[in-house]
Each structure stands twice: as structure tokens, then as C-alpha cells.
């Protein structure tokens, strides 16, 4: 069976899954001049996801090819892949390895309110139950950039699991995290006369995709 039920939701059956290259985005966002966001992504990335019998014992291993970076600006891409930043000749890949997972639940508290029944003014009136929010997990692991390894927790929204029209077992997800690039030796910057720096030190990680049963 492609799916099973766990904690009242549909999740993928145990097995090995791989990131679907046709449905993925491994991206990032950083601040430029302290005022504007610049987004980029890595076009080449792979991941293996082992879904365990106990979903919280599942694991992820991912490899990102640094030379595949693009921000859709050739001059900026050359600089970001140079020794000032990722130094892709010496460090052709970044790696992520998980070491645990916790479940945060299906809804944030802000969306949890009681249904109103038997309204005194109109006994037939009810307030519809709010739609179920995203199912959230925290994936604990370590990210390696330029041979520097640091713990990084990914906030994961599980999108659902099913068998597609082509007979493939799939599930969808998105994930995010924040890292400090200087923790990985990415120190290059320029101090602005008006205050602040040219390139923000905090990098937001943005991941979305589908996984296919291997």
C-alpha cells in the first residue's frame, strides 16, 4: 500500500524515497544592502529519505552541488561561487544528514478554536470547523558547508502522500531554517558608510519538493 494512517493523518508507507528532480527547489534568501531580499537556488541536489516503521525514526541524507548555484545574475553567481563564499572548486558539495525527528502536530494554537453548537439565538447555527493546518515536523541534523559542520534544525511542513496517476508512490513537503553564514567561514563583506553591511549574515533556507519511492 502506498500510504498508511498515523496520528489521524495519511503518511507514506515505510521504504526508501528519493527527491524528485522534476519537482524540487533547494533555495536560499539573504539581505542585500540591509534592505532588499535576494533569492537563489541550487539546481543540482539529491536526497534519500528513509521512511521508517516509526515515522519519527525516519532519516534524510542530502547532497547539494555548490557549482549549480544561481541567483539569475551571472556576475553575482561568479562571486558567490568564488573563494570569497562557497569556493566551489575546493568544496564541490554541501551535505545534510539528519539524526532525529520530532512531531509538532497538525495545527498551530492560533488555529485551534472550539466549534460553537446550539447557538441560543439560532439553534441550527453552527460555526464550521476550521480547515486542518499543515502537519509540522522538526528534522534535526547537521549541515556541512566548506568542511564546517554545524547542527541545523529544519522546520518541515508535510504536504501529504498518495499514489500518482503513473503508479508512483509520492509525498510532498517543504522545509525552512535559518543559519548564520559566518559560522561556516563565509566571512566576506563590505561595511556600508551608512551603517550595516553589504551582504546579510543570516541566510534563510527554503526547500520544497516531492519524494518518490525508490
N, C-alpha and C. Protein backbone atom coordinates (compact mmCIF):
# COMPACT_ATOMS: atom_id res chain seq x y z
N UNK A 1 0.84 -1.19 0.00
CA UNK A 1 0.00 0.00 0.00
C UNK A 1 0.88 1.24 0.00
N UNK A 2 0.50 2.29 -0.76
CA UNK A 2 1.33 3.49 -0.83
C UNK A 2 1.31 4.32 0.44
N UNK A 3 0.24 4.20 1.23
CA UNK A 3 0.11 5.05 2.41
C UNK A 3 -0.38 4.24 3.60
N UNK A 4 -0.36 4.89 4.75
CA UNK A 4 -0.89 4.32 5.99
C UNK A 4 -1.38 5.47 6.86
N UNK A 5 -2.01 5.15 7.97
CA UNK A 5 -2.54 6.16 8.87
C UNK A 5 -1.69 6.21 10.14
N UNK A 6 -1.35 7.42 10.53
CA UNK A 6 -0.57 7.64 11.77
C UNK A 6 -1.03 8.94 12.39
N UNK A 7 -1.43 8.89 13.66
CA UNK A 7 -1.90 10.07 14.39
C UNK A 7 -3.01 10.80 13.62
N UNK A 8 -3.87 10.01 12.98
CA UNK A 8 -5.02 10.58 12.30
C UNK A 8 -4.73 11.19 10.94
N UNK A 9 -3.54 10.98 10.41
CA UNK A 9 -3.22 11.54 9.10
C UNK A 9 -2.65 10.46 8.20
N UNK A 10 -2.65 10.74 6.91
CA UNK A 10 -2.14 9.81 5.92
C UNK A 10 -0.67 10.10 5.65
N UNK A 11 0.18 9.10 5.85
CA UNK A 11 1.61 9.26 5.65
C UNK A 11 2.11 8.15 4.73
N UNK A 12 3.32 8.28 4.16
CA UNK A 12 3.82 7.24 3.26
C UNK A 12 4.15 5.95 4.01
N UNK A 13 4.02 4.84 3.32
CA UNK A 13 4.42 3.56 3.88
C UNK A 13 5.93 3.51 4.02
N UNK A 14 6.44 2.64 4.90
CA UNK A 14 7.89 2.55 5.07
C UNK A 14 8.60 2.21 3.76
N UNK A 15 9.81 2.73 3.61
CA UNK A 15 10.58 2.45 2.41
C UNK A 15 11.60 3.55 2.16
N UNK A 16 12.30 3.41 1.06
CA UNK A 16 13.31 4.38 0.65
C UNK A 16 12.73 5.26 -0.45
N UNK A 17 12.85 6.55 -0.28
CA UNK A 17 12.34 7.52 -1.25
C UNK A 17 13.48 8.43 -1.68
N UNK A 18 13.36 8.96 -2.88
CA UNK A 18 14.37 9.89 -3.38
C UNK A 18 13.71 11.17 -3.89
N UNK A 19 14.43 12.26 -3.77
CA UNK A 19 13.93 13.55 -4.20
C UNK A 19 13.65 13.54 -5.69
N UNK A 20 12.44 13.95 -6.06
CA UNK A 20 12.06 14.01 -7.47
C UNK A 20 12.71 15.23 -8.10
N UNK A 21 13.58 15.00 -9.08
CA UNK A 21 14.33 16.10 -9.69
C UNK A 21 13.43 17.06 -10.45
N UNK A 22 12.27 16.58 -10.88
CA UNK A 22 11.35 17.44 -11.64
C UNK A 22 10.49 18.31 -10.74
N UNK A 23 10.46 18.01 -9.45
CA UNK A 23 9.61 18.76 -8.52
C UNK A 23 10.40 19.06 -7.26
N UNK A 24 11.31 20.00 -7.37
CA UNK A 24 12.12 20.36 -6.21
C UNK A 24 12.56 21.81 -6.32
N UNK A 25 12.81 22.41 -5.19
CA UNK A 25 13.50 23.69 -5.11
C UNK A 25 14.34 23.69 -3.85
N UNK A 26 15.64 23.86 -4.01
CA UNK A 26 16.56 23.99 -2.89
C UNK A 26 17.11 25.40 -2.96
N UNK A 27 16.53 26.28 -2.16
CA UNK A 27 16.83 27.70 -2.31
C UNK A 27 17.27 28.37 -1.03
N UNK A 28 17.57 29.65 -1.17
CA UNK A 28 18.01 30.44 -0.03
C UNK A 28 17.63 31.90 -0.26
N UNK A 29 17.65 32.66 0.81
CA UNK A 29 17.37 34.09 0.75
C UNK A 29 18.32 34.80 1.69
N UNK A 30 18.90 35.92 1.22
CA UNK A 30 19.77 36.75 2.04
C UNK A 30 19.48 38.21 1.74
N UNK A 31 19.86 39.08 2.67
CA UNK A 31 19.63 40.51 2.51
C UNK A 31 20.79 41.18 1.80
N UNK A 32 20.44 42.09 0.89
CA UNK A 32 21.44 42.89 0.19
C UNK A 32 21.30 44.35 0.63
N UNK A 33 22.41 44.97 1.01
CA UNK A 33 22.41 46.38 1.44
C UNK A 33 21.51 46.61 2.65
N UNK A 34 21.21 45.54 3.37
CA UNK A 34 20.39 45.62 4.59
C UNK A 34 18.91 45.91 4.31
N UNK A 35 18.51 46.00 3.05
CA UNK A 35 17.14 46.43 2.77
C UNK A 35 16.36 45.51 1.84
N UNK A 36 17.03 44.78 0.95
CA UNK A 36 16.28 44.02 -0.05
C UNK A 36 16.66 42.54 -0.02
N UNK A 37 15.68 41.65 -0.18
CA UNK A 37 15.97 40.22 -0.21
C UNK A 37 16.44 39.78 -1.60
N UNK A 38 17.44 38.92 -1.61
CA UNK A 38 17.91 38.30 -2.85
C UNK A 38 17.74 36.80 -2.71
N UNK A 39 17.05 36.20 -3.66
CA UNK A 39 16.82 34.76 -3.61
C UNK A 39 17.72 34.05 -4.62
N UNK A 40 18.09 32.84 -4.27
CA UNK A 40 18.85 31.99 -5.17
C UNK A 40 18.47 30.54 -4.94
N UNK A 41 19.04 29.66 -5.74
CA UNK A 41 18.78 28.24 -5.57
C UNK A 41 19.92 27.43 -6.15
N UNK A 42 19.93 26.17 -5.76
CA UNK A 42 20.88 25.20 -6.30
C UNK A 42 20.11 24.26 -7.21
N UNK A 43 20.48 24.26 -8.47
CA UNK A 43 19.72 23.48 -9.45
C UNK A 43 20.00 21.99 -9.34
N UNK A 44 21.15 21.61 -8.79
CA UNK A 44 21.51 20.19 -8.68
C UNK A 44 21.59 19.80 -7.21
N UNK A 45 20.69 18.94 -6.82
CA UNK A 45 20.65 18.44 -5.44
C UNK A 45 19.96 17.09 -5.44
N UNK A 46 20.37 16.24 -4.53
CA UNK A 46 19.76 14.92 -4.40
C UNK A 46 19.54 14.63 -2.93
N UNK A 47 18.57 13.77 -2.66
CA UNK A 47 18.29 13.40 -1.27
C UNK A 47 17.69 12.01 -1.23
N UNK A 48 18.05 11.28 -0.20
CA UNK A 48 17.44 9.98 0.08
C UNK A 48 16.73 10.07 1.42
N UNK A 49 15.48 9.67 1.42
CA UNK A 49 14.65 9.72 2.62
C UNK A 49 14.23 8.29 2.96
N UNK A 50 14.61 7.85 4.13
CA UNK A 50 14.23 6.51 4.60
C UNK A 50 13.07 6.68 5.57
N UNK A 51 11.87 6.28 5.14
CA UNK A 51 10.69 6.34 5.99
C UNK A 51 10.63 5.04 6.80
N UNK A 52 10.71 5.18 8.10
CA UNK A 52 10.78 4.02 8.99
C UNK A 52 9.38 3.57 9.42
N UNK A 53 9.33 2.37 10.02
CA UNK A 53 8.06 1.89 10.59
C UNK A 53 7.53 2.90 11.59
N UNK A 54 8.41 3.39 12.47
CA UNK A 54 8.08 4.50 13.35
C UNK A 54 8.44 5.78 12.60
N UNK A 55 7.47 6.58 12.17
CA UNK A 55 7.78 7.76 11.35
C UNK A 55 8.84 8.67 11.96
N UNK A 56 8.87 8.75 13.28
CA UNK A 56 9.83 9.64 13.93
C UNK A 56 11.24 9.06 13.95
N UNK A 57 11.40 7.83 13.48
CA UNK A 57 12.73 7.24 13.32
C UNK A 57 13.22 7.34 11.89
N UNK A 58 12.49 8.07 11.04
CA UNK A 58 12.89 8.25 9.65
C UNK A 58 14.15 9.11 9.56
N UNK A 59 14.82 9.06 8.42
CA UNK A 59 16.08 9.79 8.27
C UNK A 59 16.21 10.36 6.86
N UNK A 60 17.06 11.38 6.75
CA UNK A 60 17.28 12.07 5.49
C UNK A 60 18.78 12.29 5.30
N UNK A 61 19.26 12.06 4.10
CA UNK A 61 20.62 12.44 3.73
C UNK A 61 20.54 13.16 2.39
N UNK A 62 21.19 14.33 2.30
CA UNK A 62 21.08 15.16 1.10
C UNK A 62 22.44 15.68 0.69
N UNK A 63 22.62 15.85 -0.62
CA UNK A 63 23.83 16.41 -1.19
C UNK A 63 23.46 17.52 -2.15
N UNK A 64 24.10 18.67 -2.00
CA UNK A 64 23.85 19.84 -2.84
C UNK A 64 25.13 20.19 -3.57
N UNK A 65 25.05 20.35 -4.88
CA UNK A 65 26.23 20.67 -5.69
C UNK A 65 26.38 22.19 -5.76
N UNK A 66 27.43 22.69 -5.16
CA UNK A 66 27.57 24.13 -4.99
C UNK A 66 27.72 24.89 -6.31
N UNK A 67 28.34 24.27 -7.30
CA UNK A 67 28.55 24.96 -8.59
C UNK A 67 27.24 25.18 -9.34
N UNK A 68 26.15 24.55 -8.89
CA UNK A 68 24.87 24.72 -9.57
C UNK A 68 24.10 25.92 -9.05
N UNK A 69 24.72 26.74 -8.21
CA UNK A 69 24.06 27.92 -7.66
C UNK A 69 23.67 28.90 -8.76
N UNK A 70 22.49 29.49 -8.61
CA UNK A 70 22.07 30.57 -9.49
C UNK A 70 21.22 31.55 -8.72
N UNK A 71 21.50 32.84 -8.93
CA UNK A 71 20.63 33.91 -8.44
C UNK A 71 20.08 34.69 -9.63
N UNK A 72 20.28 34.14 -10.83
CA UNK A 72 19.83 34.76 -12.08
C UNK A 72 20.54 36.09 -12.34
N UNK A 73 21.77 36.17 -11.82
CA UNK A 73 22.64 37.32 -12.09
C UNK A 73 24.05 36.77 -12.25
N UNK A 74 24.57 36.65 -13.46
CA UNK A 74 25.85 35.97 -13.69
C UNK A 74 27.00 36.53 -12.87
N UNK A 75 27.11 37.85 -12.77
CA UNK A 75 28.22 38.43 -12.01
C UNK A 75 28.14 38.06 -10.54
N UNK A 76 26.94 38.12 -9.98
CA UNK A 76 26.77 37.75 -8.58
C UNK A 76 27.04 36.26 -8.37
N UNK A 77 26.61 35.43 -9.32
CA UNK A 77 26.83 33.99 -9.18
C UNK A 77 28.33 33.66 -9.19
N UNK A 78 29.10 34.35 -10.04
CA UNK A 78 30.54 34.13 -10.07
C UNK A 78 31.16 34.46 -8.71
N UNK A 79 30.70 35.55 -8.10
CA UNK A 79 31.25 35.93 -6.80
C UNK A 79 30.85 34.93 -5.70
N UNK A 80 29.60 34.51 -5.70
CA UNK A 80 29.13 33.59 -4.66
C UNK A 80 29.78 32.21 -4.76
N UNK A 81 30.21 31.82 -5.95
CA UNK A 81 30.87 30.52 -6.09
C UNK A 81 32.39 30.62 -5.97
N UNK A 82 32.90 31.83 -5.77
CA UNK A 82 34.35 32.05 -5.66
C UNK A 82 34.84 31.73 -4.25
N UNK A 83 36.16 31.78 -4.01
CA UNK A 83 36.69 31.54 -2.66
C UNK A 83 36.18 32.52 -1.61
N UNK A 84 35.64 33.68 -2.01
CA UNK A 84 35.06 34.59 -1.03
C UNK A 84 33.86 33.98 -0.32
N UNK A 85 33.17 33.07 -1.01
CA UNK A 85 31.98 32.47 -0.43
C UNK A 85 32.08 30.94 -0.46
N UNK A 86 31.44 30.29 -1.41
CA UNK A 86 31.33 28.82 -1.38
C UNK A 86 32.59 28.10 -1.85
N UNK A 87 33.44 28.77 -2.62
CA UNK A 87 34.70 28.17 -3.08
C UNK A 87 34.42 26.78 -3.68
N UNK A 88 33.67 26.76 -4.77
CA UNK A 88 33.13 25.51 -5.30
C UNK A 88 34.20 24.58 -5.86
N UNK A 89 35.36 25.10 -6.20
CA UNK A 89 36.43 24.23 -6.71
C UNK A 89 36.94 23.35 -5.57
N UNK A 90 37.15 23.93 -4.42
CA UNK A 90 37.65 23.15 -3.27
C UNK A 90 36.55 22.38 -2.56
N UNK A 91 35.32 22.93 -2.59
CA UNK A 91 34.22 22.31 -1.85
C UNK A 91 33.03 22.15 -2.79
N UNK A 92 33.03 21.11 -3.60
CA UNK A 92 32.00 20.96 -4.64
C UNK A 92 30.62 20.60 -4.12
N UNK A 93 30.51 20.17 -2.88
CA UNK A 93 29.19 19.80 -2.36
C UNK A 93 28.98 20.35 -0.95
N UNK A 94 27.72 20.49 -0.60
CA UNK A 94 27.28 20.69 0.77
C UNK A 94 26.46 19.45 1.15
N UNK A 95 26.50 19.08 2.41
CA UNK A 95 25.83 17.86 2.85
C UNK A 95 24.92 18.15 4.04
N UNK A 96 23.79 17.43 4.06
CA UNK A 96 22.92 17.47 5.24
C UNK A 96 22.61 16.04 5.65
N UNK A 97 22.77 15.75 6.93
CA UNK A 97 22.48 14.42 7.48
C UNK A 97 21.62 14.58 8.72
N UNK A 98 20.45 13.96 8.71
CA UNK A 98 19.57 14.08 9.87
C UNK A 98 19.98 13.08 10.95
N UNK A 99 19.60 13.41 12.18
CA UNK A 99 19.86 12.49 13.29
C UNK A 99 18.68 12.37 14.24
N UNK A 100 17.52 12.81 13.79
CA UNK A 100 16.34 12.70 14.63
C UNK A 100 15.19 13.53 14.08
N UNK A 101 14.00 13.28 14.62
CA UNK A 101 12.82 13.99 14.16
C UNK A 101 11.82 14.08 15.30
N UNK A 102 11.16 15.23 15.41
CA UNK A 102 10.07 15.38 16.36
C UNK A 102 8.84 15.88 15.64
N UNK A 103 7.69 15.61 16.22
CA UNK A 103 6.42 15.99 15.63
C UNK A 103 5.84 17.16 16.40
N UNK A 104 5.45 18.22 15.67
CA UNK A 104 4.88 19.40 16.31
C UNK A 104 3.37 19.40 16.27
N UNK A 105 2.77 18.54 15.47
CA UNK A 105 1.32 18.48 15.42
C UNK A 105 0.77 19.03 14.13
N UNK A 106 -0.56 19.07 14.07
CA UNK A 106 -1.23 19.41 12.82
C UNK A 106 -1.62 20.87 12.72
N UNK A 107 -1.79 21.56 13.82
CA UNK A 107 -2.26 22.93 13.78
C UNK A 107 -1.52 23.77 14.80
N UNK A 108 -1.23 25.01 14.45
CA UNK A 108 -0.73 25.96 15.42
C UNK A 108 -1.85 26.35 16.38
N UNK A 109 -1.54 26.70 17.63
CA UNK A 109 -2.60 27.05 18.59
C UNK A 109 -3.52 28.15 18.11
N UNK A 110 -3.01 29.07 17.28
CA UNK A 110 -3.84 30.18 16.83
C UNK A 110 -5.02 29.71 16.00
N UNK A 111 -4.90 28.48 15.40
CA UNK A 111 -5.98 27.97 14.57
C UNK A 111 -6.91 27.02 15.34
N UNK A 112 -6.65 26.82 16.61
CA UNK A 112 -7.43 25.84 17.37
C UNK A 112 -8.50 26.58 18.19
N UNK A 113 -9.70 26.60 17.69
CA UNK A 113 -10.79 27.18 18.45
C UNK A 113 -11.97 26.21 18.42
N UNK A 114 -12.79 26.31 19.43
CA UNK A 114 -13.88 25.35 19.58
C UNK A 114 -15.01 25.64 18.61
N UNK A 115 -15.68 24.59 18.18
CA UNK A 115 -16.88 24.75 17.37
C UNK A 115 -18.02 25.18 18.28
N UNK A 116 -18.83 26.12 17.79
CA UNK A 116 -19.96 26.60 18.56
C UNK A 116 -21.22 25.87 18.10
N UNK A 117 -21.87 25.21 19.06
CA UNK A 117 -23.08 24.46 18.75
C UNK A 117 -24.24 24.97 19.63
N UNK A 118 -25.44 24.67 19.18
CA UNK A 118 -26.64 25.00 19.96
C UNK A 118 -26.66 26.49 20.31
N UNK A 119 -26.42 27.32 19.29
CA UNK A 119 -26.46 28.76 19.49
C UNK A 119 -27.83 29.15 20.05
N UNK A 120 -27.83 29.96 21.11
CA UNK A 120 -29.09 30.30 21.76
C UNK A 120 -29.99 31.13 20.85
N UNK A 121 -29.40 31.92 19.96
CA UNK A 121 -30.21 32.74 19.07
C UNK A 121 -30.76 31.95 17.91
N UNK A 122 -30.04 30.97 17.49
CA UNK A 122 -30.48 30.14 16.37
C UNK A 122 -29.90 28.76 16.59
N UNK A 123 -30.69 27.83 17.07
CA UNK A 123 -30.20 26.53 17.48
C UNK A 123 -29.65 25.75 16.31
N UNK A 124 -29.97 26.16 15.06
CA UNK A 124 -29.45 25.46 13.91
C UNK A 124 -28.11 26.03 13.46
N UNK A 125 -27.72 27.16 14.00
CA UNK A 125 -26.49 27.83 13.54
C UNK A 125 -25.27 27.17 14.16
N UNK A 126 -24.30 26.93 13.37
CA UNK A 126 -23.02 26.41 13.84
C UNK A 126 -21.90 27.14 13.12
N UNK A 127 -20.74 27.11 13.71
CA UNK A 127 -19.55 27.66 13.08
C UNK A 127 -18.75 26.50 12.52
N UNK A 128 -18.45 26.51 11.21
CA UNK A 128 -17.73 25.37 10.63
C UNK A 128 -16.37 25.18 11.30
N UNK A 129 -15.99 23.95 11.42
CA UNK A 129 -14.67 23.64 11.96
C UNK A 129 -13.60 24.13 10.99
N UNK A 130 -12.55 24.79 11.48
CA UNK A 130 -11.52 25.31 10.58
C UNK A 130 -10.80 24.18 9.86
N UNK A 131 -10.33 24.51 8.65
CA UNK A 131 -9.60 23.51 7.88
C UNK A 131 -8.34 23.10 8.62
N UNK A 132 -7.99 21.85 8.47
CA UNK A 132 -6.79 21.32 9.11
C UNK A 132 -5.56 22.03 8.55
N UNK A 133 -4.72 22.51 9.43
CA UNK A 133 -3.50 23.19 9.01
C UNK A 133 -2.43 22.20 8.61
N UNK A 134 -1.28 22.72 8.20
CA UNK A 134 -0.20 21.83 7.78
C UNK A 134 0.33 21.00 8.94
N UNK A 135 0.78 19.81 8.62
CA UNK A 135 1.37 18.92 9.61
C UNK A 135 2.85 19.25 9.71
N UNK A 136 3.31 19.60 10.88
CA UNK A 136 4.66 20.10 11.05
C UNK A 136 5.54 19.14 11.83
N UNK A 137 6.74 18.98 11.33
CA UNK A 137 7.78 18.20 12.00
C UNK A 137 9.03 19.08 12.12
N UNK A 138 9.91 18.69 13.01
CA UNK A 138 11.24 19.30 13.08
C UNK A 138 12.25 18.20 12.79
N UNK A 139 13.04 18.42 11.75
CA UNK A 139 14.08 17.46 11.37
C UNK A 139 15.40 17.97 11.93
N UNK A 140 15.97 17.19 12.83
CA UNK A 140 17.23 17.55 13.47
C UNK A 140 18.38 16.95 12.66
N UNK A 141 19.44 17.71 12.48
CA UNK A 141 20.56 17.17 11.71
C UNK A 141 21.74 18.11 11.70
N UNK A 142 22.69 17.82 10.81
CA UNK A 142 23.91 18.60 10.69
C UNK A 142 24.11 18.99 9.23
N UNK A 143 24.45 20.25 9.03
CA UNK A 143 24.74 20.78 7.70
C UNK A 143 26.24 21.03 7.60
N UNK A 144 26.84 20.55 6.50
CA UNK A 144 28.27 20.75 6.26
C UNK A 144 28.45 21.67 5.07
N UNK A 145 29.13 22.77 5.29
CA UNK A 145 29.45 23.75 4.24
C UNK A 145 30.94 24.07 4.37
N UNK A 146 31.69 23.92 3.30
CA UNK A 146 33.13 24.20 3.29
C UNK A 146 33.84 23.42 4.41
N UNK A 147 33.45 22.16 4.57
CA UNK A 147 34.04 21.27 5.56
C UNK A 147 33.80 21.70 7.00
N UNK A 148 32.86 22.61 7.21
CA UNK A 148 32.44 23.00 8.56
C UNK A 148 31.06 22.42 8.81
N UNK A 149 30.91 21.68 9.89
CA UNK A 149 29.65 21.00 10.19
C UNK A 149 29.01 21.63 11.43
N UNK A 150 27.75 22.02 11.30
CA UNK A 150 27.01 22.64 12.39
C UNK A 150 25.61 22.02 12.48
N UNK A 151 25.04 21.98 13.68
CA UNK A 151 23.65 21.48 13.79
C UNK A 151 22.67 22.46 13.20
N UNK A 152 21.72 21.94 12.44
CA UNK A 152 20.65 22.76 11.84
C UNK A 152 19.35 21.98 11.94
N UNK A 153 18.34 22.62 12.49
CA UNK A 153 17.00 22.03 12.55
C UNK A 153 16.15 22.59 11.42
N UNK A 154 15.56 21.72 10.64
CA UNK A 154 14.66 22.12 9.57
C UNK A 154 13.22 22.04 10.05
N UNK A 155 12.47 23.12 9.86
CA UNK A 155 11.04 23.14 10.15
C UNK A 155 10.32 22.60 8.91
N UNK A 156 9.71 21.45 9.04
CA UNK A 156 9.17 20.73 7.89
C UNK A 156 7.64 20.73 7.93
N UNK A 157 7.03 21.14 6.83
CA UNK A 157 5.59 21.00 6.64
C UNK A 157 5.36 19.81 5.71
N UNK A 158 4.63 18.83 6.20
CA UNK A 158 4.32 17.63 5.42
C UNK A 158 3.10 17.91 4.56
N UNK A 159 3.23 17.67 3.25
CA UNK A 159 2.15 18.03 2.33
C UNK A 159 1.16 16.93 2.01
N UNK A 160 1.48 15.68 2.37
CA UNK A 160 0.57 14.59 2.07
C UNK A 160 1.24 13.50 1.26
N UNK A 161 0.61 12.34 1.20
CA UNK A 161 1.15 11.18 0.50
C UNK A 161 0.06 10.51 -0.31
N UNK A 162 0.44 9.95 -1.46
CA UNK A 162 -0.53 9.26 -2.31
C UNK A 162 0.20 8.51 -3.42
N UNK A 163 -0.56 7.80 -4.23
CA UNK A 163 -0.03 7.18 -5.46
C UNK A 163 -0.49 8.03 -6.64
N UNK A 164 0.46 8.44 -7.48
CA UNK A 164 0.10 9.34 -8.57
C UNK A 164 -0.49 8.57 -9.75
N UNK A 165 -0.97 9.27 -10.79
CA UNK A 165 -1.61 8.58 -11.92
C UNK A 165 -0.68 7.64 -12.68
N UNK A 166 0.63 7.75 -12.46
CA UNK A 166 1.60 6.90 -13.16
C UNK A 166 2.03 5.70 -12.31
N UNK A 167 1.36 5.51 -11.16
CA UNK A 167 1.66 4.37 -10.31
C UNK A 167 2.83 4.57 -9.38
N UNK A 168 3.32 5.81 -9.24
CA UNK A 168 4.43 6.08 -8.34
C UNK A 168 3.92 6.54 -6.99
N UNK A 169 4.56 6.05 -5.93
CA UNK A 169 4.22 6.46 -4.57
C UNK A 169 5.01 7.72 -4.24
N UNK A 170 4.30 8.78 -3.87
CA UNK A 170 4.95 10.06 -3.65
C UNK A 170 4.47 10.69 -2.35
N UNK A 171 5.25 11.62 -1.83
CA UNK A 171 4.77 12.53 -0.80
C UNK A 171 5.43 13.88 -0.98
N UNK A 172 4.77 14.92 -0.50
CA UNK A 172 5.25 16.28 -0.68
C UNK A 172 5.64 16.92 0.64
N UNK A 173 6.49 17.92 0.57
CA UNK A 173 6.96 18.58 1.79
C UNK A 173 7.56 19.93 1.43
N UNK A 174 7.70 20.77 2.44
CA UNK A 174 8.51 21.98 2.35
C UNK A 174 9.24 22.13 3.67
N UNK A 175 10.36 22.84 3.65
CA UNK A 175 11.18 22.95 4.85
C UNK A 175 11.89 24.29 4.85
N UNK A 176 12.20 24.78 6.04
CA UNK A 176 12.89 26.06 6.16
C UNK A 176 13.77 26.05 7.40
N UNK A 177 14.76 26.92 7.38
CA UNK A 177 15.67 27.09 8.52
C UNK A 177 16.41 28.40 8.34
N UNK A 178 17.08 28.84 9.39
CA UNK A 178 17.96 29.99 9.32
C UNK A 178 19.34 29.59 9.80
N UNK A 179 20.37 30.05 9.09
CA UNK A 179 21.74 29.80 9.51
C UNK A 179 22.50 31.12 9.46
N UNK A 180 23.58 31.17 10.21
CA UNK A 180 24.50 32.31 10.15
C UNK A 180 25.68 31.89 9.28
N UNK A 181 25.87 32.56 8.15
CA UNK A 181 26.88 32.12 7.18
C UNK A 181 28.29 32.22 7.76
N UNK A 182 28.52 33.16 8.68
CA UNK A 182 29.86 33.29 9.25
C UNK A 182 30.23 32.06 10.08
N UNK A 183 29.24 31.31 10.57
CA UNK A 183 29.52 30.07 11.30
C UNK A 183 30.22 29.05 10.41
N UNK A 184 30.07 29.21 9.08
CA UNK A 184 30.66 28.28 8.13
C UNK A 184 31.87 28.88 7.41
N UNK A 185 32.40 29.95 7.93
CA UNK A 185 33.58 30.56 7.33
C UNK A 185 33.30 31.45 6.14
N UNK A 186 32.04 31.79 5.90
CA UNK A 186 31.69 32.68 4.79
C UNK A 186 31.71 34.12 5.34
N UNK A 187 32.91 34.70 5.41
CA UNK A 187 33.12 35.93 6.15
C UNK A 187 33.13 37.18 5.29
N UNK A 188 33.23 37.04 3.97
CA UNK A 188 33.39 38.22 3.11
C UNK A 188 32.23 39.19 3.29
N UNK A 189 32.59 40.48 3.36
CA UNK A 189 31.56 41.51 3.45
C UNK A 189 32.18 42.88 3.22
N UNK A 190 31.33 43.87 3.08
CA UNK A 190 31.75 45.26 2.95
C UNK A 190 30.91 46.08 3.92
N UNK A 191 31.58 46.89 4.73
CA UNK A 191 30.87 47.77 5.67
C UNK A 191 30.36 48.99 4.93
N UNK A 192 29.09 49.31 5.13
CA UNK A 192 28.47 50.45 4.46
C UNK A 192 28.69 51.72 5.27
N UNK A 193 28.92 52.82 4.57
CA UNK A 193 29.13 54.10 5.24
C UNK A 193 27.91 54.51 6.05
N UNK A 194 26.74 54.12 5.57
CA UNK A 194 25.50 54.48 6.27
C UNK A 194 25.18 53.53 7.42
N UNK A 195 26.04 52.53 7.62
CA UNK A 195 25.81 51.55 8.67
C UNK A 195 25.37 50.21 8.11
N UNK A 196 25.77 49.16 8.77
CA UNK A 196 25.41 47.83 8.30
C UNK A 196 26.43 47.29 7.32
N UNK A 197 26.04 46.22 6.64
CA UNK A 197 26.96 45.54 5.72
C UNK A 197 26.27 45.29 4.39
N UNK A 198 27.08 45.00 3.39
CA UNK A 198 26.57 44.81 2.03
C UNK A 198 25.75 43.53 1.92
N UNK A 199 26.24 42.44 2.52
CA UNK A 199 25.58 41.14 2.42
C UNK A 199 25.15 40.69 3.81
N UNK A 200 23.87 40.37 3.96
CA UNK A 200 23.36 39.94 5.25
C UNK A 200 24.06 38.68 5.76
N UNK A 201 24.18 38.59 7.07
CA UNK A 201 24.86 37.45 7.68
C UNK A 201 23.93 36.26 7.89
N UNK A 202 22.64 36.54 8.00
CA UNK A 202 21.65 35.47 8.19
C UNK A 202 21.14 35.00 6.84
N UNK A 203 21.14 33.68 6.63
CA UNK A 203 20.65 33.09 5.39
C UNK A 203 19.43 32.23 5.71
N UNK A 204 18.35 32.47 4.99
CA UNK A 204 17.14 31.67 5.15
C UNK A 204 17.16 30.54 4.13
N UNK A 205 17.01 29.32 4.60
CA UNK A 205 16.96 28.15 3.72
C UNK A 205 15.51 27.87 3.37
N UNK A 206 15.25 27.64 2.07
CA UNK A 206 13.89 27.39 1.58
C UNK A 206 13.91 26.14 0.69
N UNK A 207 13.21 25.11 1.12
CA UNK A 207 13.21 23.84 0.39
C UNK A 207 11.76 23.41 0.14
N UNK A 208 11.50 22.90 -1.04
CA UNK A 208 10.18 22.35 -1.35
C UNK A 208 10.36 21.24 -2.37
N UNK A 209 9.52 20.21 -2.29
CA UNK A 209 9.67 19.16 -3.28
C UNK A 209 8.74 17.98 -3.04
N UNK A 210 8.95 16.98 -3.87
CA UNK A 210 8.26 15.70 -3.77
C UNK A 210 9.30 14.60 -3.69
N UNK A 211 8.95 13.55 -3.01
CA UNK A 211 9.81 12.37 -2.91
C UNK A 211 9.10 11.19 -3.55
N UNK A 212 9.86 10.39 -4.30
CA UNK A 212 9.33 9.21 -5.00
C UNK A 212 9.92 7.95 -4.37
N UNK A 213 9.07 6.92 -4.26
CA UNK A 213 9.61 5.65 -3.75
C UNK A 213 10.66 5.12 -4.70
N UNK A 214 11.81 4.74 -4.16
CA UNK A 214 12.92 4.25 -4.98
C UNK A 214 12.56 2.90 -5.57
